[in-house]
Amino acid sequence: MKAIETYYNGYRFRSRLEARWAVFFDTLGVKYEYEPEGFDLGDGLYYLPDFRVKCWGDRDTWYMQPEDLYIEVKGVLNFWDEKKIDRFVYGDPYKRDCHFEIKNKLLLVGNIPDKRDEFTWIGDTRFNSFEYIDNDCYFVIPTAYDGRFFLGAGDYNYNEELTSLAYEKAREARFEYGESG
């Protein structure tokens, strides 16, 4: 199935799913860049992440500097996508030590979650390894507070009302009539 290019908020997204995630970020008040830069991963592999946002470690720790977080939107993840993402996150497999140090932080997201499971699963946990998420990072919740973007896990105090609204708006976004979503 071929993705439908979609115009929203001044961007030409490669798919409606990407545009719906942009609606999610806009509803949270999170600033994002769409396809900000490509990366040469070596061995003929090139990678262009979908989004880059600034991610804060802890909403109660305002002195922390935000870090770049790349977000990849995939309706279906195939072998080559996984290979590129793995190389982007962890680096060249032949130059790695046994610790698999993270080179680039990336959150892999799929379809906009349904109401029933929006707070229990998002993305692929292999690519959601962040220092500030503790051992119960079996799921990750993108959320925001005063326009600052955070990732939380099971015991994280997130803005459930705003996050629910953002998922709802993203699910309901229709792009048949231009950029309004």
C-alpha atoms as a PDB file:
ATOM      1  CA  MET A   1       0.000   0.000   0.000  1.00  0.00           C
ATOM      2  CA  LYS A   2       1.392   3.398  -0.968  1.00  0.00           C
ATOM      3  CA  ALA A   3       1.444   6.192   1.604  1.00  0.00           C
ATOM      4  CA  ILE A   4      -0.467   9.379   0.791  1.00  0.00           C
ATOM      5  CA  GLU A   5       1.627  12.552   0.900  1.00  0.00           C
ATOM      6  CA  THR A   6      -0.081  15.048   3.173  1.00  0.00           C
ATOM      7  CA  TYR A   7       0.316  18.790   3.669  1.00  0.00           C
ATOM      8  CA  TYR A   8      -0.067  20.057   7.211  1.00  0.00           C
ATOM      9  CA  ASN A   9       1.271  23.048   9.115  1.00  0.00           C
ATOM     10  CA  GLY A  10       3.558  24.110   6.271  1.00  0.00           C
ATOM     11  CA  TYR A  11       5.174  20.698   5.823  1.00  0.00           C
ATOM     12  CA  ARG A  12       4.778  18.062   3.117  1.00  0.00           C
ATOM     13  CA  PHE A  13       4.677  14.818   5.083  1.00  0.00           C
ATOM     14  CA  ARG A  14       5.373  11.554   3.313  1.00  0.00           C
ATOM     15  CA  SER A  15       2.316   9.938   4.900  1.00  0.00           C
ATOM     16  CA  ARG A  16      -0.859  10.787   6.754  1.00  0.00           C
ATOM     17  CA  LEU A  17       0.462   8.884   9.738  1.00  0.00           C
ATOM     18  CA  GLU A  18       3.409  11.294   9.996  1.00  0.00           C
ATOM     19  CA  ALA A  19       0.995  14.225   9.702  1.00  0.00           C
ATOM     20  CA  ARG A  20      -1.149  12.772  12.493  1.00  0.00           C
ATOM     21  CA  TRP A  21       1.900  12.579  14.759  1.00  0.00           C
ATOM     22  CA  ALA A  22       2.541  16.243  13.907  1.00  0.00           C
ATOM     23  CA  VAL A  23      -1.031  16.985  15.077  1.00  0.00           C
ATOM     24  CA  PHE A  24      -0.191  15.120  18.301  1.00  0.00           C
ATOM     25  CA  PHE A  25       2.916  17.288  18.864  1.00  0.00           C
ATOM     26  CA  ASP A  26       1.054  20.492  17.999  1.00  0.00           C
ATOM     27  CA  THR A  27      -1.702  19.671  20.475  1.00  0.00           C
ATOM     28  CA  LEU A  28       0.922  19.141  23.177  1.00  0.00           C
ATOM     29  CA  GLY A  29       2.538  22.460  22.221  1.00  0.00           C
ATOM     30  CA  VAL A  30       5.799  20.716  21.361  1.00  0.00           C
ATOM     31  CA  LYS A  31       8.057  22.272  18.741  1.00  0.00           C
ATOM     32  CA  TYR A  32       9.376  19.801  16.212  1.00  0.00           C
ATOM     33  CA  GLU A  33      11.445  19.714  13.059  1.00  0.00           C
ATOM     34  CA  TYR A  34      10.346  17.440  10.245  1.00  0.00           C
ATOM     35  CA  GLU A  35      13.121  15.527   8.466  1.00  0.00           C
ATOM     36  CA  PRO A  36      15.752  17.994   9.710  1.00  0.00           C
ATOM     37  CA  GLU A  37      18.829  16.169   8.415  1.00  0.00           C
ATOM     38  CA  GLY A  38      19.950  12.896   6.882  1.00  0.00           C
ATOM     39  CA  PHE A  39      22.745  10.651   8.104  1.00  0.00           C
ATOM     40  CA  ASP A  40      25.318   8.577   6.243  1.00  0.00           C
ATOM     41  CA  LEU A  41      25.527   5.393   8.308  1.00  0.00           C
ATOM     42  CA  GLY A  42      28.264   3.795   6.233  1.00  0.00           C
ATOM     43  CA  ASP A  43      28.177   0.690   4.039  1.00  0.00           C
ATOM     44  CA  GLY A  44      25.727   2.408   1.684  1.00  0.00           C
ATOM     45  CA  LEU A  45      23.099   2.960   4.392  1.00  0.00           C
ATOM     46  CA  TYR A  46      21.475   6.374   4.647  1.00  0.00           C
ATOM     47  CA  TYR A  47      18.863   7.399   7.177  1.00  0.00           C
ATOM     48  CA  LEU A  48      16.475  10.346   7.395  1.00  0.00           C
ATOM     49  CA  PRO A  49      14.613  10.428  10.737  1.00  0.00           C
ATOM     50  CA  ASP A  50      11.079  11.789  10.564  1.00  0.00           C
ATOM     51  CA  PHE A  51      11.121  14.223  13.494  1.00  0.00           C
ATOM     52  CA  ARG A  52      13.535  15.878  15.873  1.00  0.00           C
ATOM     53  CA  VAL A  53      12.280  17.344  19.134  1.00  0.00           C
ATOM     54  CA  LYS A  54      13.985  18.629  22.243  1.00  0.00           C
ATOM     55  CA  CYS A  55      13.370  16.189  25.060  1.00  0.00           C
ATOM     56  CA  TRP A  56      13.680  17.017  28.753  1.00  0.00           C
ATOM     57  CA  GLY A  57      14.674  14.426  31.302  1.00  0.00           C
ATOM     58  CA  ASP A  58      12.435  15.427  34.168  1.00  0.00           C
ATOM     59  CA  ARG A  59       9.733  18.063  34.287  1.00  0.00           C
ATOM     60  CA  ASP A  60      10.661  18.929  37.881  1.00  0.00           C
ATOM     61  CA  THR A  61      14.320  19.483  36.974  1.00  0.00           C
ATOM     62  CA  TRP A  62      14.209  22.711  34.994  1.00  0.00           C
ATOM     63  CA  TYR A  63      17.961  23.274  35.056  1.00  0.00           C
ATOM     64  CA  MET A  64      18.590  20.267  32.809  1.00  0.00           C
ATOM     65  CA  GLN A  65      19.394  20.967  29.187  1.00  0.00           C
ATOM     66  CA  PRO A  66      17.078  19.404  26.638  1.00  0.00           C
ATOM     67  CA  GLU A  67      18.510  16.709  24.396  1.00  0.00           C
ATOM     68  CA  ASP A  68      17.793  15.939  20.764  1.00  0.00           C
ATOM     69  CA  LEU A  69      15.345  13.097  20.412  1.00  0.00           C
ATOM     70  CA  TYR A  70      14.628  11.684  16.974  1.00  0.00           C
ATOM     71  CA  ILE A  71      11.239  10.149  16.318  1.00  0.00           C
ATOM     72  CA  GLU A  72      10.654   7.617  13.572  1.00  0.00           C
ATOM     73  CA  VAL A  73       7.107   6.902  12.410  1.00  0.00           C
ATOM     74  CA  LYS A  74       6.524   3.442  10.969  1.00  0.00           C
ATOM     75  CA  GLY A  75       3.187   1.864  10.143  1.00  0.00           C
ATOM     76  CA  VAL A  76       5.059  -1.354   9.326  1.00  0.00           C
ATOM     77  CA  LEU A  77       8.658  -2.061  10.297  1.00  0.00           C
ATOM     78  CA  ASN A  78      10.597  -4.180   7.818  1.00  0.00           C
ATOM     79  CA  PHE A  79      14.078  -5.712   8.011  1.00  0.00           C
ATOM     80  CA  TRP A  80      15.842  -2.823   6.225  1.00  0.00           C
ATOM     81  CA  ASP A  81      14.113  -0.192   8.357  1.00  0.00           C
ATOM     82  CA  GLU A  82      15.174  -2.056  11.483  1.00  0.00           C
ATOM     83  CA  LYS A  83      18.754  -2.352  10.246  1.00  0.00           C
ATOM     84  CA  LYS A  84      18.984   1.397   9.573  1.00  0.00           C
ATOM     85  CA  ILE A  85      17.381   2.319  12.880  1.00  0.00           C
ATOM     86  CA  ASP A  86      19.683  -0.046  14.770  1.00  0.00           C
ATOM     87  CA  ARG A  87      22.744   1.455  13.048  1.00  0.00           C
ATOM     88  CA  PHE A  88      21.524   5.001  13.762  1.00  0.00           C
ATOM     89  CA  VAL A  89      20.849   4.311  17.460  1.00  0.00           C
ATOM     90  CA  TYR A  90      23.866   2.128  18.279  1.00  0.00           C
ATOM     91  CA  GLY A  91      26.430   2.872  15.553  1.00  0.00           C
ATOM     92  CA  ASP A  92      28.456   0.499  13.412  1.00  0.00           C
ATOM     93  CA  PRO A  93      28.007  -3.084  14.694  1.00  0.00           C
ATOM     94  CA  TYR A  94      31.662  -3.891  13.935  1.00  0.00           C
ATOM     95  CA  LYS A  95      32.909  -1.019  16.081  1.00  0.00           C
ATOM     96  CA  ARG A  96      30.656  -1.600  19.098  1.00  0.00           C
ATOM     97  CA  ASP A  97      31.806  -2.758  22.445  1.00  0.00           C
ATOM     98  CA  CYS A  98      29.638  -5.138  24.428  1.00  0.00           C
ATOM     99  CA  HIS A  99      27.737  -2.285  26.123  1.00  0.00           C
ATOM    100  CA  PHE A 100      25.780  -1.073  23.067  1.00  0.00           C
ATOM    101  CA  GLU A 101      26.193   2.575  23.951  1.00  0.00           C
ATOM    102  CA  ILE A 102      23.441   4.730  22.489  1.00  0.00           C
ATOM    103  CA  LYS A 103      24.750   7.118  19.831  1.00  0.00           C
ATOM    104  CA  ASN A 104      21.444   8.786  18.942  1.00  0.00           C
ATOM    105  CA  LYS A 105      18.257   8.777  20.988  1.00  0.00           C
ATOM    106  CA  LEU A 106      15.281   7.617  18.994  1.00  0.00           C
ATOM    107  CA  LEU A 107      11.663   6.839  19.756  1.00  0.00           C
ATOM    108  CA  LEU A 108      10.004   4.498  17.273  1.00  0.00           C
ATOM    109  CA  VAL A 109       6.238   5.045  17.008  1.00  0.00           C
ATOM    110  CA  GLY A 110       3.578   3.313  14.963  1.00  0.00           C
ATOM    111  CA  ASN A 111      -0.092   3.992  14.454  1.00  0.00           C
ATOM    112  CA  ILE A 112      -1.792   6.480  16.732  1.00  0.00           C
ATOM    113  CA  PRO A 113      -2.885   4.327  19.685  1.00  0.00           C
ATOM    114  CA  ASP A 114      -6.559   3.542  20.212  1.00  0.00           C
ATOM    115  CA  LYS A 115      -8.261   4.984  23.262  1.00  0.00           C
ATOM    116  CA  ARG A 116      -8.156   1.630  25.027  1.00  0.00           C
ATOM    117  CA  ASP A 117      -4.373   1.225  24.830  1.00  0.00           C
ATOM    118  CA  GLU A 118      -2.919   4.698  24.502  1.00  0.00           C
ATOM    119  CA  PHE A 119      -1.139   4.517  27.839  1.00  0.00           C
ATOM    120  CA  THR A 120       0.151   0.972  27.640  1.00  0.00           C
ATOM    121  CA  TRP A 121       2.172   0.720  24.443  1.00  0.00           C
ATOM    122  CA  ILE A 122       3.928   2.899  21.963  1.00  0.00           C
ATOM    123  CA  GLY A 123       6.769   2.030  19.672  1.00  0.00           C
ATOM    124  CA  ASP A 124       9.413  -0.627  20.018  1.00  0.00           C
ATOM    125  CA  THR A 125      11.097  -0.750  23.429  1.00  0.00           C
ATOM    126  CA  ARG A 126      14.442  -1.799  21.936  1.00  0.00           C
ATOM    127  CA  PHE A 127      14.823   1.769  20.668  1.00  0.00           C
ATOM    128  CA  ASN A 128      13.441   3.495  23.761  1.00  0.00           C
ATOM    129  CA  SER A 129      16.512   3.311  25.984  1.00  0.00           C
ATOM    130  CA  PHE A 130      16.911   6.580  27.833  1.00  0.00           C
ATOM    131  CA  GLU A 131      18.955   7.229  30.948  1.00  0.00           C
ATOM    132  CA  TYR A 132      16.108   8.986  32.722  1.00  0.00           C
ATOM    133  CA  ILE A 133      13.576   6.180  32.272  1.00  0.00           C
ATOM    134  CA  ASP A 134      13.923   3.580  34.985  1.00  0.00           C
ATOM    135  CA  ASN A 135      13.662  -0.211  34.731  1.00  0.00           C
ATOM    136  CA  ASP A 136       9.902  -0.229  34.107  1.00  0.00           C
ATOM    137  CA  CYS A 137      10.299   1.256  30.613  1.00  0.00           C
ATOM    138  CA  TYR A 138       8.204  -1.509  29.051  1.00  0.00           C
ATOM    139  CA  PHE A 139       6.146   1.342  27.653  1.00  0.00           C
ATOM    140  CA  VAL A 140       6.828   4.967  26.926  1.00  0.00           C
ATOM    141  CA  ILE A 141       4.381   7.846  27.140  1.00  0.00           C
ATOM    142  CA  PRO A 142       5.155  10.959  25.110  1.00  0.00           C
ATOM    143  CA  THR A 143       3.722  13.931  26.964  1.00  0.00           C
ATOM    144  CA  ALA A 144       4.398  17.603  27.528  1.00  0.00           C
ATOM    145  CA  TYR A 145       4.291  20.221  30.239  1.00  0.00           C
ATOM    146  CA  ASP A 146       4.390  23.929  29.361  1.00  0.00           C
ATOM    147  CA  GLY A 147       5.494  23.037  25.821  1.00  0.00           C
ATOM    148  CA  ARG A 148       8.401  20.914  27.032  1.00  0.00           C
ATOM    149  CA  PHE A 149       8.461  17.356  25.721  1.00  0.00           C
ATOM    150  CA  PHE A 150       9.056  14.383  28.023  1.00  0.00           C
ATOM    151  CA  LEU A 151       9.025  10.624  27.873  1.00  0.00           C
ATOM    152  CA  GLY A 152       7.624   8.816  30.858  1.00  0.00           C
ATOM    153  CA  ALA A 153       7.259   5.237  32.028  1.00  0.00           C
ATOM    154  CA  GLY A 154       4.775   3.424  34.253  1.00  0.00           C
ATOM    155  CA  ASP A 155       5.275   5.456  37.423  1.00  0.00           C
ATOM    156  CA  TYR A 156       5.667   8.828  35.715  1.00  0.00           C
ATOM    157  CA  ASN A 157       3.370  11.676  36.656  1.00  0.00           C
ATOM    158  CA  TYR A 158       2.269  12.862  33.210  1.00  0.00           C
ATOM    159  CA  ASN A 159      -0.508  15.169  32.062  1.00  0.00           C
ATOM    160  CA  GLU A 160      -3.089  12.510  31.260  1.00  0.00           C
ATOM    161  CA  GLU A 161      -5.796  14.959  30.159  1.00  0.00           C
ATOM    162  CA  LEU A 162      -3.591  16.810  27.670  1.00  0.00           C
ATOM    163  CA  THR A 163      -1.995  13.604  26.407  1.00  0.00           C
ATOM    164  CA  SER A 164      -5.446  12.028  25.874  1.00  0.00           C
ATOM    165  CA  LEU A 165      -6.575  15.121  23.991  1.00  0.00           C
ATOM    166  CA  ALA A 166      -3.460  15.020  21.787  1.00  0.00           C
ATOM    167  CA  TYR A 167      -4.049  11.358  20.884  1.00  0.00           C
ATOM    168  CA  GLU A 168      -7.724  12.075  20.209  1.00  0.00           C
ATOM    169  CA  LYS A 169      -6.961  15.010  17.893  1.00  0.00           C
ATOM    170  CA  ALA A 170      -4.322  12.980  16.067  1.00  0.00           C
ATOM    171  CA  ARG A 171      -6.724  10.060  15.573  1.00  0.00           C
ATOM    172  CA  GLU A 172      -9.476  12.364  14.331  1.00  0.00           C
ATOM    173  CA  ALA A 173      -7.294  14.408  11.958  1.00  0.00           C
ATOM    174  CA  ARG A 174      -8.584  14.350   8.390  1.00  0.00           C
ATOM    175  CA  PHE A 175      -6.612  15.932   5.616  1.00  0.00           C
ATOM    176  CA  GLU A 176      -9.060  15.825   2.709  1.00  0.00           C
ATOM    177  CA  TYR A 177      -9.566  19.601   2.839  1.00  0.00           C
ATOM    178  CA  GLY A 178      -6.039  20.975   2.935  1.00  0.00           C
ATOM    179  CA  GLU A 179      -3.749  21.691   5.843  1.00  0.00           C
ATOM    180  CA  SER A 180      -6.194  22.219   8.666  1.00  0.00           C
ATOM    181  CA  GLY A 181      -6.166  18.604   9.828  1.00  0.00           C
END
